[in-house]
Amino acid sequence: VMMPLRLALVGALQGPDVFDIMYLIGKAE
């Protein structure tokens, strides 16, 4: 679950916590 979710958000398997990313970019994004 978490790897494809990160890939969707970032485009790669990198970056800070996925939930922090989701919170900052917002629900719609």
ModelCIF file with pLDDT and N, C-alpha, C, O atoms, coordinates in Angstrom:
data_MODEL
#
_entry.id   MODEL 
#
_entity.id                         1 
_entity.type                       polymer 
_entity.pdbx_number_of_molecules   1 
#
_entity_poly.entity_id                      1 
_entity_poly.type                           'polypeptide(L)' 
_entity_poly.nstd_linkage                   no 
_entity_poly.nstd_monomer                   no 
_entity_poly.pdbx_seq_one_letter_code       VMMPLRLALVGALQGPDVFDIMYLIGKAE 
_entity_poly.pdbx_seq_one_letter_code_can   VMMPLRLALVGALQGPDVFDIMYLIGKAE 
_entity_poly.pdbx_strand_id                 A 
#
loop_
_entity_poly_seq.entity_id 
_entity_poly_seq.num 
_entity_poly_seq.mon_id 
_entity_poly_seq.hetero 
1 1  VAL n 
1 2  MET n 
1 3  MET n 
1 4  PRO n 
1 5  LEU n 
1 6  ARG n 
1 7  LEU n 
1 8  ALA n 
1 9  LEU n 
1 10 VAL n 
1 11 GLY n 
1 12 ALA n 
1 13 LEU n 
1 14 GLN n 
1 15 GLY n 
1 16 PRO n 
1 17 ASP n 
1 18 VAL n 
1 19 PHE n 
1 20 ASP n 
1 21 ILE n 
1 22 MET n 
1 23 TYR n 
1 24 LEU n 
1 25 ILE n 
1 26 GLY n 
1 27 LYS n 
1 28 ALA n 
1 29 GLU n 
#
_struct_asym.id          A 
_struct_asym.entity_id   1 
#
loop_
_ma_qa_metric.id 
_ma_qa_metric.mode 
_ma_qa_metric.name 
_ma_qa_metric.software_group_id 
_ma_qa_metric.type 
1 global pLDDT . pLDDT 
2 local  pLDDT . pLDDT 
#
_ma_qa_metric_global.metric_id      1 
_ma_qa_metric_global.metric_value   96.34 
_ma_qa_metric_global.model_id       1 
_ma_qa_metric_global.ordinal_id     1 
#
loop_
_ma_qa_metric_local.label_asym_id 
_ma_qa_metric_local.label_comp_id 
_ma_qa_metric_local.label_seq_id 
_ma_qa_metric_local.metric_id 
_ma_qa_metric_local.metric_value 
_ma_qa_metric_local.model_id 
_ma_qa_metric_local.ordinal_id 
A VAL 1  2 94.00 1 1  
A MET 2  2 95.00 1 2  
A MET 3  2 96.00 1 3  
A PRO 4  2 96.00 1 4  
A LEU 5  2 97.00 1 5  
A ARG 6  2 97.00 1 6  
A LEU 7  2 97.00 1 7  
A ALA 8  2 97.00 1 8  
A LEU 9  2 97.00 1 9  
A VAL 10 2 97.00 1 10 
A GLY 11 2 96.00 1 11 
A ALA 12 2 96.00 1 12 
A LEU 13 2 96.00 1 13 
A GLN 14 2 95.00 1 14 
A GLY 15 2 95.00 1 15 
A PRO 16 2 96.00 1 16 
A ASP 17 2 96.00 1 17 
A VAL 18 2 97.00 1 18 
A PHE 19 2 97.00 1 19 
A ASP 20 2 97.00 1 20 
A ILE 21 2 97.00 1 21 
A MET 22 2 97.00 1 22 
A TYR 23 2 97.00 1 23 
A LEU 24 2 97.00 1 24 
A ILE 25 2 97.00 1 25 
A GLY 26 2 96.00 1 26 
A LYS 27 2 96.00 1 27 
A ALA 28 2 96.00 1 28 
A GLU 29 2 97.00 1 29 
#
loop_
_atom_site.group_PDB 
_atom_site.id 
_atom_site.type_symbol 
_atom_site.label_atom_id 
_atom_site.label_alt_id 
_atom_site.label_comp_id 
_atom_site.label_asym_id 
_atom_site.label_entity_id 
_atom_site.label_seq_id 
_atom_site.pdbx_PDB_ins_code 
_atom_site.Cartn_x 
_atom_site.Cartn_y 
_atom_site.Cartn_z 
_atom_site.occupancy 
_atom_site.B_iso_or_equiv 
_atom_site.pdbx_formal_charge 
_atom_site.auth_seq_id 
_atom_site.auth_comp_id 
_atom_site.auth_asym_id 
_atom_site.auth_atom_id 
_atom_site.pdbx_PDB_model_num 
ATOM 1   N N  . VAL A 1 1  ? 0.824  -1.206 0.000  1.00 94.00 ? 1  VAL A N  1 
ATOM 2   C CA . VAL A 1 1  ? 0.000  0.000  0.000  1.00 94.00 ? 1  VAL A CA 1 
ATOM 3   C C  . VAL A 1 1  ? 0.865  1.266  0.000  1.00 94.00 ? 1  VAL A C  1 
ATOM 4   O O  . VAL A 1 1  ? 0.639  2.186  -0.786 1.00 94.00 ? 1  VAL A O  1 
ATOM 5   N N  . MET A 1 2  ? 1.844  1.296  0.882  1.00 95.00 ? 2  MET A N  1 
ATOM 6   C CA . MET A 1 2  ? 2.596  2.531  1.091  1.00 95.00 ? 2  MET A CA 1 
ATOM 7   C C  . MET A 1 2  ? 3.521  2.865  -0.081 1.00 95.00 ? 2  MET A C  1 
ATOM 8   O O  . MET A 1 2  ? 3.710  4.037  -0.405 1.00 95.00 ? 2  MET A O  1 
ATOM 9   N N  . MET A 1 3  ? 4.101  1.837  -0.721 1.00 96.00 ? 3  MET A N  1 
ATOM 10  C CA . MET A 1 3  ? 4.993  2.138  -1.845 1.00 96.00 ? 3  MET A CA 1 
ATOM 11  C C  . MET A 1 3  ? 4.236  2.733  -3.031 1.00 96.00 ? 3  MET A C  1 
ATOM 12  O O  . MET A 1 3  ? 4.662  3.765  -3.551 1.00 96.00 ? 3  MET A O  1 
ATOM 13  N N  . PRO A 1 4  ? 3.129  2.131  -3.485 1.00 96.00 ? 4  PRO A N  1 
ATOM 14  C CA . PRO A 1 4  ? 2.408  2.779  -4.590 1.00 96.00 ? 4  PRO A CA 1 
ATOM 15  C C  . PRO A 1 4  ? 1.816  4.131  -4.186 1.00 96.00 ? 4  PRO A C  1 
ATOM 16  O O  . PRO A 1 4  ? 1.713  5.034  -5.017 1.00 96.00 ? 4  PRO A O  1 
ATOM 17  N N  . LEU A 1 5  ? 1.429  4.276  -2.925 1.00 97.00 ? 5  LEU A N  1 
ATOM 18  C CA . LEU A 1 5  ? 0.908  5.561  -2.471 1.00 97.00 ? 5  LEU A CA 1 
ATOM 19  C C  . LEU A 1 5  ? 1.998  6.641  -2.565 1.00 97.00 ? 5  LEU A C  1 
ATOM 20  O O  . LEU A 1 5  ? 1.744  7.745  -3.046 1.00 97.00 ? 5  LEU A O  1 
ATOM 21  N N  . ARG A 1 6  ? 3.200  6.316  -2.107 1.00 97.00 ? 6  ARG A N  1 
ATOM 22  C CA . ARG A 1 6  ? 4.312  7.277  -2.212 1.00 97.00 ? 6  ARG A CA 1 
ATOM 23  C C  . ARG A 1 6  ? 4.629  7.578  -3.674 1.00 97.00 ? 6  ARG A C  1 
ATOM 24  O O  . ARG A 1 6  ? 4.867  8.731  -4.034 1.00 97.00 ? 6  ARG A O  1 
ATOM 25  N N  . LEU A 1 7  ? 4.632  6.547  -4.515 1.00 97.00 ? 7  LEU A N  1 
ATOM 26  C CA . LEU A 1 7  ? 4.909  6.741  -5.932 1.00 97.00 ? 7  LEU A CA 1 
ATOM 27  C C  . LEU A 1 7  ? 3.896  7.704  -6.547 1.00 97.00 ? 7  LEU A C  1 
ATOM 28  O O  . LEU A 1 7  ? 4.253  8.563  -7.354 1.00 97.00 ? 7  LEU A O  1 
ATOM 29  N N  . ALA A 1 8  ? 2.630  7.552  -6.159 1.00 97.00 ? 8  ALA A N  1 
ATOM 30  C CA . ALA A 1 8  ? 1.581  8.428  -6.686 1.00 97.00 ? 8  ALA A CA 1 
ATOM 31  C C  . ALA A 1 8  ? 1.789  9.876  -6.265 1.00 97.00 ? 8  ALA A C  1 
ATOM 32  O O  . ALA A 1 8  ? 1.582  10.797 -7.055 1.00 97.00 ? 8  ALA A O  1 
ATOM 33  N N  . LEU A 1 9  ? 2.199  10.070 -5.021 1.00 97.00 ? 9  LEU A N  1 
ATOM 34  C CA . LEU A 1 9  ? 2.343  11.423 -4.479 1.00 97.00 ? 9  LEU A CA 1 
ATOM 35  C C  . LEU A 1 9  ? 3.609  12.115 -4.952 1.00 97.00 ? 9  LEU A C  1 
ATOM 36  O O  . LEU A 1 9  ? 3.609  13.320 -5.204 1.00 97.00 ? 9  LEU A O  1 
ATOM 37  N N  . VAL A 1 10 ? 4.697  11.346 -5.072 1.00 97.00 ? 10 VAL A N  1 
ATOM 38  C CA . VAL A 1 10 ? 6.022  11.926 -5.312 1.00 97.00 ? 10 VAL A CA 1 
ATOM 39  C C  . VAL A 1 10 ? 6.534  11.684 -6.725 1.00 97.00 ? 10 VAL A C  1 
ATOM 40  O O  . VAL A 1 10 ? 7.244  12.516 -7.291 1.00 97.00 ? 10 VAL A O  1 
ATOM 41  N N  . GLY A 1 11 ? 6.166  10.533 -7.291 1.00 96.00 ? 11 GLY A N  1 
ATOM 42  C CA . GLY A 1 11 ? 6.724  10.133 -8.578 1.00 96.00 ? 11 GLY A CA 1 
ATOM 43  C C  . GLY A 1 11 ? 7.943  9.258  -8.414 1.00 96.00 ? 11 GLY A C  1 
ATOM 44  O O  . GLY A 1 11 ? 8.524  8.806  -9.401 1.00 96.00 ? 11 GLY A O  1 
ATOM 45  N N  . ALA A 1 12 ? 8.343  9.011  -7.163 1.00 96.00 ? 12 ALA A N  1 
ATOM 46  C CA . ALA A 1 12 ? 9.505  8.186  -6.842 1.00 96.00 ? 12 ALA A CA 1 
ATOM 47  C C  . ALA A 1 12 ? 9.339  7.698  -5.403 1.00 96.00 ? 12 ALA A C  1 
ATOM 48  O O  . ALA A 1 12 ? 8.448  8.147  -4.683 1.00 96.00 ? 12 ALA A O  1 
ATOM 49  N N  . LEU A 1 13 ? 10.201 6.783  -5.001 1.00 96.00 ? 13 LEU A N  1 
ATOM 50  C CA . LEU A 1 13 ? 10.145 6.259  -3.629 1.00 96.00 ? 13 LEU A CA 1 
ATOM 51  C C  . LEU A 1 13 ? 11.096 7.064  -2.747 1.00 96.00 ? 13 LEU A C  1 
ATOM 52  O O  . LEU A 1 13 ? 12.109 6.551  -2.272 1.00 96.00 ? 13 LEU A O  1 
ATOM 53  N N  . GLN A 1 14 ? 10.751 8.331  -2.540 1.00 95.00 ? 14 GLN A N  1 
ATOM 54  C CA . GLN A 1 14 ? 11.584 9.210  -1.731 1.00 95.00 ? 14 GLN A CA 1 
ATOM 55  C C  . GLN A 1 14 ? 10.695 10.236 -1.055 1.00 95.00 ? 14 GLN A C  1 
ATOM 56  O O  . GLN A 1 14 ? 9.494  10.308 -1.317 1.00 95.00 ? 14 GLN A O  1 
ATOM 57  N N  . GLY A 1 15 ? 11.303 11.032 -0.178 1.00 95.00 ? 15 GLY A N  1 
ATOM 58  C CA . GLY A 1 15 ? 10.554 12.107 0.462  1.00 95.00 ? 15 GLY A CA 1 
ATOM 59  C C  . GLY A 1 15 ? 10.208 11.804 1.901  1.00 95.00 ? 15 GLY A C  1 
ATOM 60  O O  . GLY A 1 15 ? 10.442 10.693 2.376  1.00 95.00 ? 15 GLY A O  1 
ATOM 61  N N  . PRO A 1 16 ? 9.645  12.790 2.611  1.00 96.00 ? 16 PRO A N  1 
ATOM 62  C CA . PRO A 1 16 ? 9.268  12.601 4.016  1.00 96.00 ? 16 PRO A CA 1 
ATOM 63  C C  . PRO A 1 16 ? 8.044  11.707 4.158  1.00 96.00 ? 16 PRO A C  1 
ATOM 64  O O  . PRO A 1 16 ? 7.582  11.122 3.178  1.00 96.00 ? 16 PRO A O  1 
ATOM 65  N N  . ASP A 1 17 ? 7.531  11.601 5.345  1.00 96.00 ? 17 ASP A N  1 
ATOM 66  C CA . ASP A 1 17 ? 6.395  10.721 5.633  1.00 96.00 ? 17 ASP A CA 1 
ATOM 67  C C  . ASP A 1 17 ? 5.232  11.018 4.675  1.00 96.00 ? 17 ASP A C  1 
ATOM 68  O O  . ASP A 1 17 ? 4.893  12.179 4.450  1.00 96.00 ? 17 ASP A O  1 
ATOM 69  N N  . VAL A 1 18 ? 4.618  9.957  4.111  1.00 97.00 ? 18 VAL A N  1 
ATOM 70  C CA . VAL A 1 18 ? 3.551  10.148 3.120  1.00 97.00 ? 18 VAL A CA 1 
ATOM 71  C C  . VAL A 1 18 ? 2.362  10.891 3.708  1.00 97.00 ? 18 VAL A C  1 
ATOM 72  O O  . VAL A 1 18 ? 1.696  11.649 3.003  1.00 97.00 ? 18 VAL A O  1 
ATOM 73  N N  . PHE A 1 19 ? 2.089  10.685 4.990  1.00 97.00 ? 19 PHE A N  1 
ATOM 74  C CA . PHE A 1 19 ? 0.935  11.350 5.594  1.00 97.00 ? 19 PHE A CA 1 
ATOM 75  C C  . PHE A 1 19 ? 1.185  12.845 5.757  1.00 97.00 ? 19 PHE A C  1 
ATOM 76  O O  . PHE A 1 19 ? 0.251  13.643 5.679  1.00 97.00 ? 19 PHE A O  1 
ATOM 77  N N  . ASP A 1 20 ? 2.432  13.227 5.980  1.00 97.00 ? 20 ASP A N  1 
ATOM 78  C CA . ASP A 1 20 ? 2.773  14.649 5.992  1.00 97.00 ? 20 ASP A CA 1 
ATOM 79  C C  . ASP A 1 20 ? 2.588  15.255 4.603  1.00 97.00 ? 20 ASP A C  1 
ATOM 80  O O  . ASP A 1 20 ? 2.094  16.374 4.463  1.00 97.00 ? 20 ASP A O  1 
ATOM 81  N N  . ILE A 1 21 ? 2.992  14.503 3.578  1.00 97.00 ? 21 ILE A N  1 
ATOM 82  C CA . ILE A 1 21 ? 2.824  14.991 2.201  1.00 97.00 ? 21 ILE A CA 1 
ATOM 83  C C  . ILE A 1 21 ? 1.345  15.171 1.886  1.00 97.00 ? 21 ILE A C  1 
ATOM 84  O O  . ILE A 1 21 ? 0.937  16.202 1.351  1.00 97.00 ? 21 ILE A O  1 
ATOM 85  N N  . MET A 1 22 ? 0.546  14.163 2.221  1.00 97.00 ? 22 MET A N  1 
ATOM 86  C CA . MET A 1 22 ? -0.893 14.224 1.936  1.00 97.00 ? 22 MET A CA 1 
ATOM 87  C C  . MET A 1 22 ? -1.545 15.411 2.639  1.00 97.00 ? 22 MET A C  1 
ATOM 88  O O  . MET A 1 22 ? -2.351 16.132 2.051  1.00 97.00 ? 22 MET A O  1 
ATOM 89  N N  . TYR A 1 23 ? -1.189 15.598 3.887  1.00 97.00 ? 23 TYR A N  1 
ATOM 90  C CA . TYR A 1 23 ? -1.771 16.702 4.656  1.00 97.00 ? 23 TYR A CA 1 
ATOM 91  C C  . TYR A 1 23 ? -1.449 18.054 4.026  1.00 97.00 ? 23 TYR A C  1 
ATOM 92  O O  . TYR A 1 23 ? -2.323 18.914 3.914  1.00 97.00 ? 23 TYR A O  1 
ATOM 93  N N  . LEU A 1 24 ? -0.188 18.243 3.612  1.00 97.00 ? 24 LEU A N  1 
ATOM 94  C CA . LEU A 1 24 ? 0.220  19.543 3.085  1.00 97.00 ? 24 LEU A CA 1 
ATOM 95  C C  . LEU A 1 24 ? -0.353 19.820 1.693  1.00 97.00 ? 24 LEU A C  1 
ATOM 96  O O  . LEU A 1 24 ? -0.759 20.947 1.411  1.00 97.00 ? 24 LEU A O  1 
ATOM 97  N N  . ILE A 1 25 ? -0.390 18.822 0.833  1.00 97.00 ? 25 ILE A N  1 
ATOM 98  C CA . ILE A 1 25 ? -0.910 19.097 -0.514 1.00 97.00 ? 25 ILE A CA 1 
ATOM 99  C C  . ILE A 1 25 ? -2.436 19.126 -0.522 1.00 97.00 ? 25 ILE A C  1 
ATOM 100 O O  . ILE A 1 25 ? -3.042 19.644 -1.459 1.00 97.00 ? 25 ILE A O  1 
ATOM 101 N N  . GLY A 1 26 ? -3.059 18.572 0.522  1.00 96.00 ? 26 GLY A N  1 
ATOM 102 C CA . GLY A 1 26 ? -4.513 18.648 0.656  1.00 96.00 ? 26 GLY A CA 1 
ATOM 103 C C  . GLY A 1 26 ? -5.240 17.458 0.052  1.00 96.00 ? 26 GLY A C  1 
ATOM 104 O O  . GLY A 1 26 ? -4.677 16.695 -0.732 1.00 96.00 ? 26 GLY A O  1 
ATOM 105 N N  . LYS A 1 27 ? -6.501 17.317 0.435  1.00 96.00 ? 27 LYS A N  1 
ATOM 106 C CA . LYS A 1 27 ? -7.296 16.154 0.026  1.00 96.00 ? 27 LYS A CA 1 
ATOM 107 C C  . LYS A 1 27 ? -7.488 16.090 -1.485 1.00 96.00 ? 27 LYS A C  1 
ATOM 108 O O  . LYS A 1 27 ? -7.273 15.042 -2.094 1.00 96.00 ? 27 LYS A O  1 
ATOM 109 N N  . ALA A 1 28 ? -7.885 17.189 -2.084 1.00 96.00 ? 28 ALA A N  1 
ATOM 110 C CA . ALA A 1 28 ? -8.184 17.168 -3.519 1.00 96.00 ? 28 ALA A CA 1 
ATOM 111 C C  . ALA A 1 28 ? -6.952 16.803 -4.336 1.00 96.00 ? 28 ALA A C  1 
ATOM 112 O O  . ALA A 1 28 ? -7.036 15.994 -5.260 1.00 96.00 ? 28 ALA A O  1 
ATOM 113 N N  . GLU A 1 29 ? -5.809 17.396 -4.000 1.00 97.00 ? 29 GLU A N  1 
ATOM 114 C CA . GLU A 1 29 ? -4.579 17.094 -4.743 1.00 97.00 ? 29 GLU A CA 1 
ATOM 115 C C  . GLU A 1 29 ? -4.137 15.660 -4.497 1.00 97.00 ? 29 GLU A C  1 
ATOM 116 O O  . GLU A 1 29 ? -3.121 15.226 -5.039 1.00 97.00 ? 29 GLU A O  1 
#
